[in-house]
Amino acid sequence: MVPFAEGLTDDDIEDLAAYFETLKPLPPEPTTNAKLAAEGKGIADANHCGSCHLPDYSGREQMPRLAGQREDYLLKALRDYKAGERPGLDGRMTEVLYHLSDQDLQALSHYLAHYR
């Protein structure tokens, strides 16, 4: 994002944010693997993902929307957070994901990508 955003003014960023805020998220695709989704739900519940990202995973303030995002994107983001390669604002995601296995991250990504 840096190469795309480095020339933007504060007004440009506010205009872009206002535009993106008007867009409606696409409905998620139906869950393709019910067992994996159930496992992911358990992981999300146990780690209180809905506390920061809201119970419907729609996001708020600086917490991004998780529901209905592309599964491959979510998995990469979770892996990057866990590895400390994507620290976020306060590093909390790295801390939250530290104890989760890659299988856990896959299940969580699947659940969130197909969340309704």
PDB file of N, CA and C in Angstrom:
ATOM      1  N   MET A   1       0.812  -1.196   0.000  1.00  0.00           N
ATOM      2  CA  MET A   1       0.000   0.000   0.000  1.00  0.00           C
ATOM      3  C   MET A   1       0.855   1.260   0.000  1.00  0.00           C
ATOM      4  N   VAL A   2       2.027   1.208   0.569  1.00  0.00           N
ATOM      5  CA  VAL A   2       2.842   2.417   0.690  1.00  0.00           C
ATOM      6  C   VAL A   2       3.062   3.096  -0.656  1.00  0.00           C
ATOM      7  N   PRO A   3       3.452   2.358  -1.708  1.00  0.00           N
ATOM      8  CA  PRO A   3       3.666   3.052  -2.979  1.00  0.00           C
ATOM      9  C   PRO A   3       2.406   3.741  -3.506  1.00  0.00           C
ATOM     10  N   PHE A   4       1.252   3.200  -3.204  1.00  0.00           N
ATOM     11  CA  PHE A   4       0.008   3.780  -3.676  1.00  0.00           C
ATOM     12  C   PHE A   4      -0.445   4.956  -2.809  1.00  0.00           C
ATOM     13  N   ALA A   5      -0.101   4.913  -1.539  1.00  0.00           N
ATOM     14  CA  ALA A   5      -0.628   5.899  -0.600  1.00  0.00           C
ATOM     15  C   ALA A   5       0.329   7.042  -0.271  1.00  0.00           C
ATOM     16  N   GLU A   6       1.616   6.892  -0.575  1.00  0.00           N
ATOM     17  CA  GLU A   6       2.568   7.891  -0.102  1.00  0.00           C
ATOM     18  C   GLU A   6       2.346   9.284  -0.682  1.00  0.00           C
ATOM     19  N   GLY A   7       1.719   9.408  -1.833  1.00  0.00           N
ATOM     20  CA  GLY A   7       1.471  10.723  -2.419  1.00  0.00           C
ATOM     21  C   GLY A   7       0.113  11.308  -2.075  1.00  0.00           C
ATOM     22  N   LEU A   8      -0.670  10.597  -1.294  1.00  0.00           N
ATOM     23  CA  LEU A   8      -2.020  11.070  -0.971  1.00  0.00           C
ATOM     24  C   LEU A   8      -1.993  12.125   0.131  1.00  0.00           C
ATOM     25  N   THR A   9      -2.854  13.105  -0.025  1.00  0.00           N
ATOM     26  CA  THR A   9      -3.010  14.106   1.026  1.00  0.00           C
ATOM     27  C   THR A   9      -4.002  13.576   2.054  1.00  0.00           C
ATOM     28  N   ASP A  10      -4.105  14.246   3.187  1.00  0.00           N
ATOM     29  CA  ASP A  10      -5.093  13.861   4.193  1.00  0.00           C
ATOM     30  C   ASP A  10      -6.503  13.937   3.618  1.00  0.00           C
ATOM     31  N   ASP A  11      -6.761  14.950   2.798  1.00  0.00           N
ATOM     32  CA  ASP A  11      -8.083  15.075   2.164  1.00  0.00           C
ATOM     33  C   ASP A  11      -8.347  13.903   1.216  1.00  0.00           C
ATOM     34  N   ASP A  12      -7.332  13.487   0.469  1.00  0.00           N
ATOM     35  CA  ASP A  12      -7.484  12.334  -0.421  1.00  0.00           C
ATOM     36  C   ASP A  12      -7.852  11.087   0.380  1.00  0.00           C
ATOM     37  N   ILE A  13      -7.178  10.884   1.486  1.00  0.00           N
ATOM     38  CA  ILE A  13      -7.422   9.705   2.321  1.00  0.00           C
ATOM     39  C   ILE A  13      -8.830   9.742   2.900  1.00  0.00           C
ATOM     40  N   GLU A  14      -9.247  10.905   3.346  1.00  0.00           N
ATOM     41  CA  GLU A  14     -10.611  11.039   3.874  1.00  0.00           C
ATOM     42  C   GLU A  14     -11.644  10.787   2.776  1.00  0.00           C
ATOM     43  N   ASP A  15     -11.385  11.276   1.561  1.00  0.00           N
ATOM     44  CA  ASP A  15     -12.305  11.030   0.439  1.00  0.00           C
ATOM     45  C   ASP A  15     -12.378   9.543   0.107  1.00  0.00           C
ATOM     46  N   LEU A  16     -11.247   8.877   0.091  1.00  0.00           N
ATOM     47  CA  LEU A  16     -11.233   7.435  -0.172  1.00  0.00           C
ATOM     48  C   LEU A  16     -11.976   6.671   0.911  1.00  0.00           C
ATOM     49  N   ALA A  17     -11.748   7.038   2.163  1.00  0.00           N
ATOM     50  CA  ALA A  17     -12.438   6.378   3.273  1.00  0.00           C
ATOM     51  C   ALA A  17     -13.946   6.567   3.155  1.00  0.00           C
ATOM     52  N   ALA A  18     -14.377   7.782   2.815  1.00  0.00           N
ATOM     53  CA  ALA A  18     -15.813   8.044   2.667  1.00  0.00           C
ATOM     54  C   ALA A  18     -16.396   7.210   1.528  1.00  0.00           C
ATOM     55  N   TYR A  19     -15.655   7.066   0.441  1.00  0.00           N
ATOM     56  CA  TYR A  19     -16.132   6.248  -0.677  1.00  0.00           C
ATOM     57  C   TYR A  19     -16.258   4.782  -0.262  1.00  0.00           C
ATOM     58  N   PHE A  20     -15.212   4.232   0.332  1.00  0.00           N
ATOM     59  CA  PHE A  20     -15.240   2.818   0.713  1.00  0.00           C
ATOM     60  C   PHE A  20     -16.299   2.531   1.765  1.00  0.00           C
ATOM     61  N   GLU A  21     -16.583   3.505   2.595  1.00  0.00           N
ATOM     62  CA  GLU A  21     -17.617   3.324   3.614  1.00  0.00           C
ATOM     63  C   GLU A  21     -19.002   3.144   2.988  1.00  0.00           C
ATOM     64  N   THR A  22     -19.199   3.681   1.784  1.00  0.00           N
ATOM     65  CA  THR A  22     -20.507   3.564   1.126  1.00  0.00           C
ATOM     66  C   THR A  22     -20.708   2.208   0.474  1.00  0.00           C
ATOM     67  N   LEU A  23     -19.647   1.458   0.262  1.00  0.00           N
ATOM     68  CA  LEU A  23     -19.756   0.170  -0.421  1.00  0.00           C
ATOM     69  C   LEU A  23     -20.330  -0.883   0.510  1.00  0.00           C
ATOM     70  N   LYS A  24     -21.232  -1.673   0.008  1.00  0.00           N
ATOM     71  CA  LYS A  24     -21.815  -2.779   0.775  1.00  0.00           C
ATOM     72  C   LYS A  24     -20.957  -4.018   0.564  1.00  0.00           C
ATOM     73  N   PRO A  25     -20.658  -4.761   1.626  1.00  0.00           N
ATOM     74  CA  PRO A  25     -19.880  -5.995   1.443  1.00  0.00           C
ATOM     75  C   PRO A  25     -20.683  -7.027   0.662  1.00  0.00           C
ATOM     76  N   LEU A  26     -19.983  -7.807  -0.112  1.00  0.00           N
ATOM     77  CA  LEU A  26     -20.625  -8.896  -0.842  1.00  0.00           C
ATOM     78  C   LEU A  26     -21.057  -9.963   0.150  1.00  0.00           C
ATOM     79  N   PRO A  27     -22.157 -10.650  -0.133  1.00  0.00           N
ATOM     80  CA  PRO A  27     -22.536 -11.745   0.773  1.00  0.00           C
ATOM     81  C   PRO A  27     -21.501 -12.860   0.677  1.00  0.00           C
ATOM     82  N   PRO A  28     -21.169 -13.478   1.802  1.00  0.00           N
ATOM     83  CA  PRO A  28     -20.185 -14.561   1.755  1.00  0.00           C
ATOM     84  C   PRO A  28     -20.736 -15.775   1.017  1.00  0.00           C
ATOM     85  N   GLU A  29     -19.819 -16.520   0.456  1.00  0.00           N
ATOM     86  CA  GLU A  29     -20.224 -17.763  -0.193  1.00  0.00           C
ATOM     87  C   GLU A  29     -20.656 -18.756   0.886  1.00  0.00           C
ATOM     88  N   PRO A  30     -21.521 -19.685   0.536  1.00  0.00           N
ATOM     89  CA  PRO A  30     -21.928 -20.698   1.523  1.00  0.00           C
ATOM     90  C   PRO A  30     -20.705 -21.476   2.014  1.00  0.00           C
ATOM     91  N   THR A  31     -20.743 -21.875   3.256  1.00  0.00           N
ATOM     92  CA  THR A  31     -19.641 -22.642   3.825  1.00  0.00           C
ATOM     93  C   THR A  31     -19.446 -23.929   3.037  1.00  0.00           C
ATOM     94  N   THR A  32     -18.211 -24.194   2.695  1.00  0.00           N
ATOM     95  CA  THR A  32     -17.924 -25.390   1.910  1.00  0.00           C
ATOM     96  C   THR A  32     -17.489 -26.563   2.781  1.00  0.00           C
ATOM     97  N   ASN A  33     -17.071 -26.280   4.000  1.00  0.00           N
ATOM     98  CA  ASN A  33     -16.600 -27.341   4.879  1.00  0.00           C
ATOM     99  C   ASN A  33     -17.152 -27.069   6.277  1.00  0.00           C
ATOM    100  N   ALA A  34     -18.275 -27.680   6.590  1.00  0.00           N
ATOM    101  CA  ALA A  34     -18.962 -27.421   7.859  1.00  0.00           C
ATOM    102  C   ALA A  34     -18.098 -27.771   9.063  1.00  0.00           C
ATOM    103  N   LYS A  35     -17.328 -28.852   8.988  1.00  0.00           N
ATOM    104  CA  LYS A  35     -16.475 -29.252  10.114  1.00  0.00           C
ATOM    105  C   LYS A  35     -15.390 -28.203  10.367  1.00  0.00           C
ATOM    106  N   LEU A  36     -14.764 -27.734   9.306  1.00  0.00           N
ATOM    107  CA  LEU A  36     -13.716 -26.725   9.437  1.00  0.00           C
ATOM    108  C   LEU A  36     -14.303 -25.410   9.953  1.00  0.00           C
ATOM    109  N   ALA A  37     -15.489 -25.058   9.468  1.00  0.00           N
ATOM    110  CA  ALA A  37     -16.148 -23.836   9.933  1.00  0.00           C
ATOM    111  C   ALA A  37     -16.489 -23.927  11.417  1.00  0.00           C
ATOM    112  N   ALA A  38     -16.961 -25.080  11.867  1.00  0.00           N
ATOM    113  CA  ALA A  38     -17.284 -25.265  13.287  1.00  0.00           C
ATOM    114  C   ALA A  38     -16.025 -25.156  14.147  1.00  0.00           C
ATOM    115  N   GLU A  39     -14.948 -25.729  13.655  1.00  0.00           N
ATOM    116  CA  GLU A  39     -13.672 -25.626  14.362  1.00  0.00           C
ATOM    117  C   GLU A  39     -13.239 -24.154  14.435  1.00  0.00           C
ATOM    118  N   GLY A  40     -13.378 -23.444  13.330  1.00  0.00           N
ATOM    119  CA  GLY A  40     -13.025 -22.026  13.290  1.00  0.00           C
ATOM    120  C   GLY A  40     -13.880 -21.187  14.222  1.00  0.00           C
ATOM    121  N   LYS A  41     -15.176 -21.511  14.307  1.00  0.00           N
ATOM    122  CA  LYS A  41     -16.067 -20.793  15.219  1.00  0.00           C
ATOM    123  C   LYS A  41     -15.605 -20.978  16.655  1.00  0.00           C
ATOM    124  N   GLY A  42     -15.236 -22.197  16.999  1.00  0.00           N
ATOM    125  CA  GLY A  42     -14.740 -22.453  18.347  1.00  0.00           C
ATOM    126  C   GLY A  42     -13.482 -21.659  18.652  1.00  0.00           C
ATOM    127  N   ILE A  43     -12.609 -21.553  17.679  1.00  0.00           N
ATOM    128  CA  ILE A  43     -11.372 -20.788  17.856  1.00  0.00           C
ATOM    129  C   ILE A  43     -11.687 -19.305  18.009  1.00  0.00           C
ATOM    130  N   ALA A  44     -12.594 -18.795  17.168  1.00  0.00           N
ATOM    131  CA  ALA A  44     -12.989 -17.385  17.256  1.00  0.00           C
ATOM    132  C   ALA A  44     -13.625 -17.082  18.606  1.00  0.00           C
ATOM    133  N   ASP A  45     -14.489 -17.978  19.061  1.00  0.00           N
ATOM    134  CA  ASP A  45     -15.151 -17.781  20.360  1.00  0.00           C
ATOM    135  C   ASP A  45     -14.143 -17.836  21.505  1.00  0.00           C
ATOM    136  N   ALA A  46     -13.266 -18.823  21.482  1.00  0.00           N
ATOM    137  CA  ALA A  46     -12.290 -19.003  22.563  1.00  0.00           C
ATOM    138  C   ALA A  46     -11.309 -17.835  22.649  1.00  0.00           C
ATOM    139  N   ASN A  47     -11.051 -17.195  21.513  1.00  0.00           N
ATOM    140  CA  ASN A  47     -10.087 -16.099  21.479  1.00  0.00           C
ATOM    141  C   ASN A  47     -10.757 -14.726  21.461  1.00  0.00           C
ATOM    142  N   HIS A  48     -12.069 -14.721  21.629  1.00  0.00           N
ATOM    143  CA  HIS A  48     -12.838 -13.483  21.757  1.00  0.00           C
ATOM    144  C   HIS A  48     -12.652 -12.529  20.581  1.00  0.00           C
ATOM    145  N   CYS A  49     -12.599 -13.084  19.366  1.00  0.00           N
ATOM    146  CA  CYS A  49     -12.415 -12.251  18.169  1.00  0.00           C
ATOM    147  C   CYS A  49     -13.527 -11.207  18.040  1.00  0.00           C
ATOM    148  N   GLY A  50     -14.730 -11.574  18.465  1.00  0.00           N
ATOM    149  CA  GLY A  50     -15.859 -10.665  18.381  1.00  0.00           C
ATOM    150  C   GLY A  50     -15.789  -9.499  19.343  1.00  0.00           C
ATOM    151  N   SER A  51     -14.902  -9.549  20.309  1.00  0.00           N
ATOM    152  CA  SER A  51     -14.768  -8.432  21.240  1.00  0.00           C
ATOM    153  C   SER A  51     -14.218  -7.193  20.544  1.00  0.00           C
ATOM    154  N   CYS A  52     -13.234  -7.365  19.712  1.00  0.00           N
ATOM    155  CA  CYS A  52     -12.638  -6.227  19.002  1.00  0.00           C
ATOM    156  C   CYS A  52     -13.282  -6.000  17.634  1.00  0.00           C
ATOM    157  N   HIS A  53     -13.566  -7.100  16.937  1.00  0.00           N
ATOM    158  CA  HIS A  53     -14.076  -6.994  15.566  1.00  0.00           C
ATOM    159  C   HIS A  53     -15.598  -6.986  15.509  1.00  0.00           C
ATOM    160  N   LEU A  54     -16.246  -6.945  16.659  1.00  0.00           N
ATOM    161  CA  LEU A  54     -17.699  -6.983  16.852  1.00  0.00           C
ATOM    162  C   LEU A  54     -18.229  -8.404  16.662  1.00  0.00           C
ATOM    163  N   PRO A  55     -19.322  -8.729  17.338  1.00  0.00           N
ATOM    164  CA  PRO A  55     -19.846 -10.100  17.283  1.00  0.00           C
ATOM    165  C   PRO A  55     -20.187 -10.603  15.880  1.00  0.00           C
ATOM    166  N   ASP A  56     -20.496  -9.689  14.956  1.00  0.00           N
ATOM    167  CA  ASP A  56     -20.775 -10.109  13.579  1.00  0.00           C
ATOM    168  C   ASP A  56     -19.550  -9.960  12.673  1.00  0.00           C
ATOM    169  N   TYR A  57     -18.412  -9.655  13.276  1.00  0.00           N
ATOM    170  CA  TYR A  57     -17.130  -9.519  12.579  1.00  0.00           C
ATOM    171  C   TYR A  57     -17.156  -8.447  11.489  1.00  0.00           C
ATOM    172  N   SER A  58     -18.003  -7.425  11.676  1.00  0.00           N
ATOM    173  CA  SER A  58     -18.100  -6.344  10.697  1.00  0.00           C
ATOM    174  C   SER A  58     -17.022  -5.286  10.900  1.00  0.00           C
ATOM    175  N   GLY A  59     -16.303  -5.354  12.001  1.00  0.00           N
ATOM    176  CA  GLY A  59     -15.235  -4.402  12.269  1.00  0.00           C
ATOM    177  C   GLY A  59     -15.755  -3.092  12.830  1.00  0.00           C
ATOM    178  N   ARG A  60     -14.831  -2.313  13.355  1.00  0.00           N
ATOM    179  CA  ARG A  60     -15.170  -0.993  13.886  1.00  0.00           C
ATOM    180  C   ARG A  60     -13.887  -0.197  14.024  1.00  0.00           C
ATOM    181  N   GLU A  61     -14.010   1.093  13.896  1.00  0.00           N
ATOM    182  CA  GLU A  61     -12.856   1.979  14.023  1.00  0.00           C
ATOM    183  C   GLU A  61     -11.663   1.385  13.275  1.00  0.00           C
ATOM    184  N   GLN A  62     -10.544   1.153  13.962  1.00  0.00           N
ATOM    185  CA  GLN A  62      -9.359   0.616  13.281  1.00  0.00           C
ATOM    186  C   GLN A  62      -9.366  -0.905  13.177  1.00  0.00           C
ATOM    187  N   MET A  63     -10.393  -1.565  13.722  1.00  0.00           N
ATOM    188  CA  MET A  63     -10.478  -3.026  13.626  1.00  0.00           C
ATOM    189  C   MET A  63     -11.157  -3.382  12.305  1.00  0.00           C
ATOM    190  N   PRO A  64     -10.476  -4.103  11.439  1.00  0.00           N
ATOM    191  CA  PRO A  64     -11.049  -4.372  10.114  1.00  0.00           C
ATOM    192  C   PRO A  64     -12.200  -5.375  10.135  1.00  0.00           C
ATOM    193  N   ARG A  65     -12.997  -5.290   9.097  1.00  0.00           N
ATOM    194  CA  ARG A  65     -14.049  -6.265   8.846  1.00  0.00           C
ATOM    195  C   ARG A  65     -13.383  -7.603   8.558  1.00  0.00           C
ATOM    196  N   LEU A  66     -13.878  -8.660   9.160  1.00  0.00           N
ATOM    197  CA  LEU A  66     -13.379 -10.010   8.902  1.00  0.00           C
ATOM    198  C   LEU A  66     -14.402 -10.834   8.133  1.00  0.00           C
ATOM    199  N   ALA A  67     -15.668 -10.642   8.439  1.00  0.00           N
ATOM    200  CA  ALA A  67     -16.738 -11.441   7.830  1.00  0.00           C
ATOM    201  C   ALA A  67     -16.755 -11.263   6.319  1.00  0.00           C
ATOM    202  N   GLY A  68     -16.717 -12.391   5.626  1.00  0.00           N
ATOM    203  CA  GLY A  68     -16.861 -12.380   4.177  1.00  0.00           C
ATOM    204  C   GLY A  68     -15.627 -11.981   3.400  1.00  0.00           C
ATOM    205  N   GLN A  69     -14.505 -11.761   4.082  1.00  0.00           N
ATOM    206  CA  GLN A  69     -13.271 -11.471   3.346  1.00  0.00           C
ATOM    207  C   GLN A  69     -12.820 -12.752   2.635  1.00  0.00           C
ATOM    208  N   ARG A  70     -11.968 -12.605   1.660  1.00  0.00           N
ATOM    209  CA  ARG A  70     -11.460 -13.782   0.960  1.00  0.00           C
ATOM    210  C   ARG A  70     -10.669 -14.657   1.930  1.00  0.00           C
ATOM    211  N   GLU A  71     -10.911 -15.940   1.839  1.00  0.00           N
ATOM    212  CA  GLU A  71     -10.266 -16.886   2.755  1.00  0.00           C
ATOM    213  C   GLU A  71      -8.748 -16.851   2.631  1.00  0.00           C
ATOM    214  N   ASP A  72      -8.231 -16.793   1.408  1.00  0.00           N
ATOM    215  CA  ASP A  72      -6.781 -16.768   1.230  1.00  0.00           C
ATOM    216  C   ASP A  72      -6.175 -15.487   1.805  1.00  0.00           C
ATOM    217  N   TYR A  73      -6.890 -14.381   1.683  1.00  0.00           N
ATOM    218  CA  TYR A  73      -6.426 -13.116   2.257  1.00  0.00           C
ATOM    219  C   TYR A  73      -6.386 -13.202   3.789  1.00  0.00           C
ATOM    220  N   LEU A  74      -7.475 -13.709   4.372  1.00  0.00           N
ATOM    221  CA  LEU A  74      -7.525 -13.842   5.826  1.00  0.00           C
ATOM    222  C   LEU A  74      -6.401 -14.745   6.345  1.00  0.00           C
ATOM    223  N   LEU A  75      -6.186 -15.873   5.682  1.00  0.00           N
ATOM    224  CA  LEU A  75      -5.142 -16.797   6.122  1.00  0.00           C
ATOM    225  C   LEU A  75      -3.766 -16.147   6.043  1.00  0.00           C
ATOM    226  N   LYS A  76      -3.487 -15.447   4.964  1.00  0.00           N
ATOM    227  CA  LYS A  76      -2.190 -14.761   4.847  1.00  0.00           C
ATOM    228  C   LYS A  76      -2.049 -13.705   5.932  1.00  0.00           C
ATOM    229  N   ALA A  77      -3.090 -12.933   6.165  1.00  0.00           N
ATOM    230  CA  ALA A  77      -3.033 -11.890   7.196  1.00  0.00           C
ATOM    231  C   ALA A  77      -2.792 -12.507   8.572  1.00  0.00           C
ATOM    232  N   LEU A  78      -3.514 -13.580   8.894  1.00  0.00           N
ATOM    233  CA  LEU A  78      -3.329 -14.227  10.193  1.00  0.00           C
ATOM    234  C   LEU A  78      -1.917 -14.785  10.340  1.00  0.00           C
ATOM    235  N   ARG A  79      -1.415 -15.412   9.290  1.00  0.00           N
ATOM    236  CA  ARG A  79      -0.045 -15.940   9.338  1.00  0.00           C
ATOM    237  C   ARG A  79       0.963 -14.813   9.521  1.00  0.00           C
ATOM    238  N   ASP A  80       0.748 -13.710   8.812  1.00  0.00           N
ATOM    239  CA  ASP A  80       1.659 -12.569   8.933  1.00  0.00           C
ATOM    240  C   ASP A  80       1.603 -11.949  10.326  1.00  0.00           C
ATOM    241  N   TYR A  81       0.396 -11.817  10.891  1.00  0.00           N
ATOM    242  CA  TYR A  81       0.286 -11.309  12.262  1.00  0.00           C
ATOM    243  C   TYR A  81       1.030 -12.232  13.232  1.00  0.00           C
ATOM    244  N   LYS A  82       0.795 -13.521  13.103  1.00  0.00           N
ATOM    245  CA  LYS A  82       1.430 -14.478  14.017  1.00  0.00           C
ATOM    246  C   LYS A  82       2.952 -14.406  13.924  1.00  0.00           C
ATOM    247  N   ALA A  83       3.476 -14.233  12.713  1.00  0.00           N
ATOM    248  CA  ALA A  83       4.922 -14.176  12.501  1.00  0.00           C
ATOM    249  C   ALA A  83       5.518 -12.817  12.870  1.00  0.00           C
ATOM    250  N   GLY A  84       4.670 -11.867  13.233  1.00  0.00           N
ATOM    251  CA  GLY A  84       5.166 -10.534  13.568  1.00  0.00           C
ATOM    252  C   GLY A  84       5.516  -9.706  12.352  1.00  0.00           C
ATOM    253  N   GLU A  85       5.093 -10.157  11.165  1.00  0.00           N
ATOM    254  CA  GLU A  85       5.385  -9.442   9.926  1.00  0.00           C
ATOM    255  C   GLU A  85       4.318  -8.401   9.597  1.00  0.00           C
ATOM    256  N   ARG A  86       3.245  -8.422  10.361  1.00  0.00           N
ATOM    257  CA  ARG A  86       2.144  -7.483  10.174  1.00  0.00           C
ATOM    258  C   ARG A  86       1.684  -7.084  11.575  1.00  0.00           C
ATOM    259  N   PRO A  87       2.362  -6.131  12.183  1.00  0.00           N
ATOM    260  CA  PRO A  87       2.116  -5.865  13.590  1.00  0.00           C
ATOM    261  C   PRO A  87       0.810  -5.155  13.931  1.00  0.00           C
ATOM    262  N   GLY A  88       0.199  -4.461  12.989  1.00  0.00           N
ATOM    263  CA  GLY A  88      -0.999  -3.716  13.331  1.00  0.00           C
ATOM    264  C   GLY A  88      -0.638  -2.513  14.182  1.00  0.00           C
ATOM    265  N   LEU A  89      -1.619  -1.952  14.848  1.00  0.00           N
ATOM    266  CA  LEU A  89      -1.381  -0.734  15.624  1.00  0.00           C
ATOM    267  C   LEU A  89      -0.656  -0.983  16.934  1.00  0.00           C
ATOM    268  N   ASP A  90      -0.959  -2.097  17.583  1.00  0.00           N
ATOM    269  CA  ASP A  90      -0.389  -2.300  18.915  1.00  0.00           C
ATOM    270  C   ASP A  90       0.228  -3.683  19.131  1.00  0.00           C
ATOM    271  N   GLY A  91       0.296  -4.513  18.114  1.00  0.00           N
ATOM    272  CA  GLY A  91       0.889  -5.837  18.254  1.00  0.00           C
ATOM    273  C   GLY A  91      -0.005  -6.858  18.926  1.00  0.00           C
ATOM    274  N   ARG A  92      -1.219  -6.476  19.238  1.00  0.00           N
ATOM    275  CA  ARG A  92      -2.126  -7.378  19.958  1.00  0.00           C
ATOM    276  C   ARG A  92      -2.434  -8.639  19.146  1.00  0.00           C
ATOM    277  N   MET A  93      -2.568  -8.515  17.829  1.00  0.00           N
ATOM    278  CA  MET A  93      -2.896  -9.690  17.025  1.00  0.00           C
ATOM    279  C   MET A  93      -1.787 -10.740  17.101  1.00  0.00           C
ATOM    280  N   THR A  94      -0.549 -10.299  17.104  1.00  0.00           N
ATOM    281  CA  THR A  94       0.570 -11.245  17.233  1.00  0.00           C
ATOM    282  C   THR A  94       0.442 -12.011  18.547  1.00  0.00           C
ATOM    283  N   GLU A  95       0.103 -11.305  19.590  1.00  0.00           N
ATOM    284  CA  GLU A  95      -0.066 -11.923  20.908  1.00  0.00           C
ATOM    285  C   GLU A  95      -1.238 -12.905  20.919  1.00  0.00           C
ATOM    286  N   VAL A  96      -2.353 -12.514  20.336  1.00  0.00           N
ATOM    287  CA  VAL A  96      -3.551 -13.359  20.334  1.00  0.00           C
ATOM    288  C   VAL A  96      -3.317 -14.643  19.543  1.00  0.00           C
ATOM    289  N   LEU A  97      -2.592 -14.537  18.443  1.00  0.00           N
ATOM    290  CA  LEU A  97      -2.415 -15.680  17.541  1.00  0.00           C
ATOM    291  C   LEU A  97      -1.215 -16.557  17.895  1.00  0.00           C
ATOM    292  N   TYR A  98      -0.399 -16.130  18.819  1.00  0.00           N
ATOM    293  CA  TYR A  98       0.848 -16.822  19.132  1.00  0.00           C
ATOM    294  C   TYR A  98       0.654 -18.311  19.391  1.00  0.00           C
ATOM    295  N   HIS A  99      -0.344 -18.684  20.142  1.00  0.00           N
ATOM    296  CA  HIS A  99      -0.536 -20.082  20.553  1.00  0.00           C
ATOM    297  C   HIS A  99      -1.308 -20.925  19.529  1.00  0.00           C
ATOM    298  N   LEU A 100      -1.786 -20.312  18.462  1.00  0.00           N
ATOM    299  CA  LEU A 100      -2.586 -21.058  17.477  1.00  0.00           C
ATOM    300  C   LEU A 100      -1.703 -21.747  16.446  1.00  0.00           C
ATOM    301  N   SER A 101      -2.096 -22.953  16.072  1.00  0.00           N
ATOM    302  CA  SER A 101      -1.368 -23.704  15.041  1.00  0.00           C
ATOM    303  C   SER A 101      -1.792 -23.212  13.656  1.00  0.00           C
ATOM    304  N   ASP A 102      -1.063 -23.646  12.647  1.00  0.00           N
ATOM    305  CA  ASP A 102      -1.446 -23.271  11.288  1.00  0.00           C
ATOM    306  C   ASP A 102      -2.814 -23.871  10.937  1.00  0.00           C
ATOM    307  N   GLN A 103      -3.108 -25.057  11.414  1.00  0.00           N
ATOM    308  CA  GLN A 103      -4.435 -25.655  11.193  1.00  0.00           C
ATOM    309  C   GLN A 103      -5.519 -24.785  11.833  1.00  0.00           C
ATOM    310  N   ASP A 104      -5.231 -24.247  13.014  1.00  0.00           N
ATOM    311  CA  ASP A 104      -6.175 -23.336  13.665  1.00  0.00           C
ATOM    312  C   ASP A 104      -6.420 -22.102  12.791  1.00  0.00           C
ATOM    313  N   LEU A 105      -5.345 -21.551  12.241  1.00  0.00           N
ATOM    314  CA  LEU A 105      -5.468 -20.364  11.396  1.00  0.00           C
ATOM    315  C   LEU A 105      -6.282 -20.679  10.144  1.00  0.00           C
ATOM    316  N   GLN A 106      -6.097 -21.868   9.591  1.00  0.00           N
ATOM    317  CA  GLN A 106      -6.873 -22.260   8.409  1.00  0.00           C
ATOM    318  C   GLN A 106      -8.353 -22.375   8.753  1.00  0.00           C
ATOM    319  N   ALA A 107      -8.652 -22.980   9.889  1.00  0.00           N
ATOM    320  CA  ALA A 107     -10.047 -23.123  10.310  1.00  0.00           C
ATOM    321  C   ALA A 107     -10.669 -21.758  10.587  1.00  0.00           C
ATOM    322  N   LEU A 108      -9.943 -20.897  11.258  1.00  0.00           N
ATOM    323  CA  LEU A 108     -10.435 -19.559  11.567  1.00  0.00           C
ATOM    324  C   LEU A 108     -10.688 -18.765  10.289  1.00  0.00           C
ATOM    325  N   SER A 109      -9.772 -18.850   9.350  1.00  0.00           N
ATOM    326  CA  SER A 109      -9.934 -18.151   8.062  1.00  0.00           C
ATOM    327  C   SER A 109     -11.170 -18.665   7.328  1.00  0.00           C
ATOM    328  N   HIS A 110     -11.355 -19.963   7.341  1.00  0.00           N
ATOM    329  CA  HIS A 110     -12.514 -20.554   6.657  1.00  0.00           C
ATOM    330  C   HIS A 110     -13.800 -20.061   7.291  1.00  0.00           C
ATOM    331  N   TYR A 111     -13.871 -20.116   8.599  1.00  0.00           N
ATOM    332  CA  TYR A 111     -15.071 -19.684   9.313  1.00  0.00           C
ATOM    333  C   TYR A 111     -15.390 -18.212   9.011  1.00  0.00           C
ATOM    334  N   LEU A 112     -14.404 -17.346   9.138  1.00  0.00           N
ATOM    335  CA  LEU A 112     -14.643 -15.917   8.935  1.00  0.00           C
ATOM    336  C   LEU A 112     -14.996 -15.588   7.488  1.00  0.00           C
ATOM    337  N   ALA A 113     -14.344 -16.263   6.546  1.00  0.00           N
ATOM    338  CA  ALA A 113     -14.623 -16.004   5.132  1.00  0.00           C
ATOM    339  C   ALA A 113     -16.059 -16.367   4.762  1.00  0.00           C
ATOM    340  N   HIS A 114     -16.619 -17.352   5.432  1.00  0.00           N
ATOM    341  CA  HIS A 114     -17.962 -17.825   5.109  1.00  0.00           C
ATOM    342  C   HIS A 114     -18.988 -17.433   6.154  1.00  0.00           C
ATOM    343  N   TYR A 115     -18.611 -16.531   7.061  1.00  0.00           N
ATOM    344  CA  TYR A 115     -19.504 -16.132   8.145  1.00  0.00           C
ATOM    345  C   TYR A 115     -20.746 -15.424   7.586  1.00  0.00           C
ATOM    346  N   ARG A 116     -21.898 -15.808   8.129  1.00  0.00           N
ATOM    347  CA  ARG A 116     -23.163 -15.159   7.741  1.00  0.00           C
ATOM    348  C   ARG A 116     -23.824 -14.583   8.952  1.00  0.00           C
TER     349      ARG A 116
END
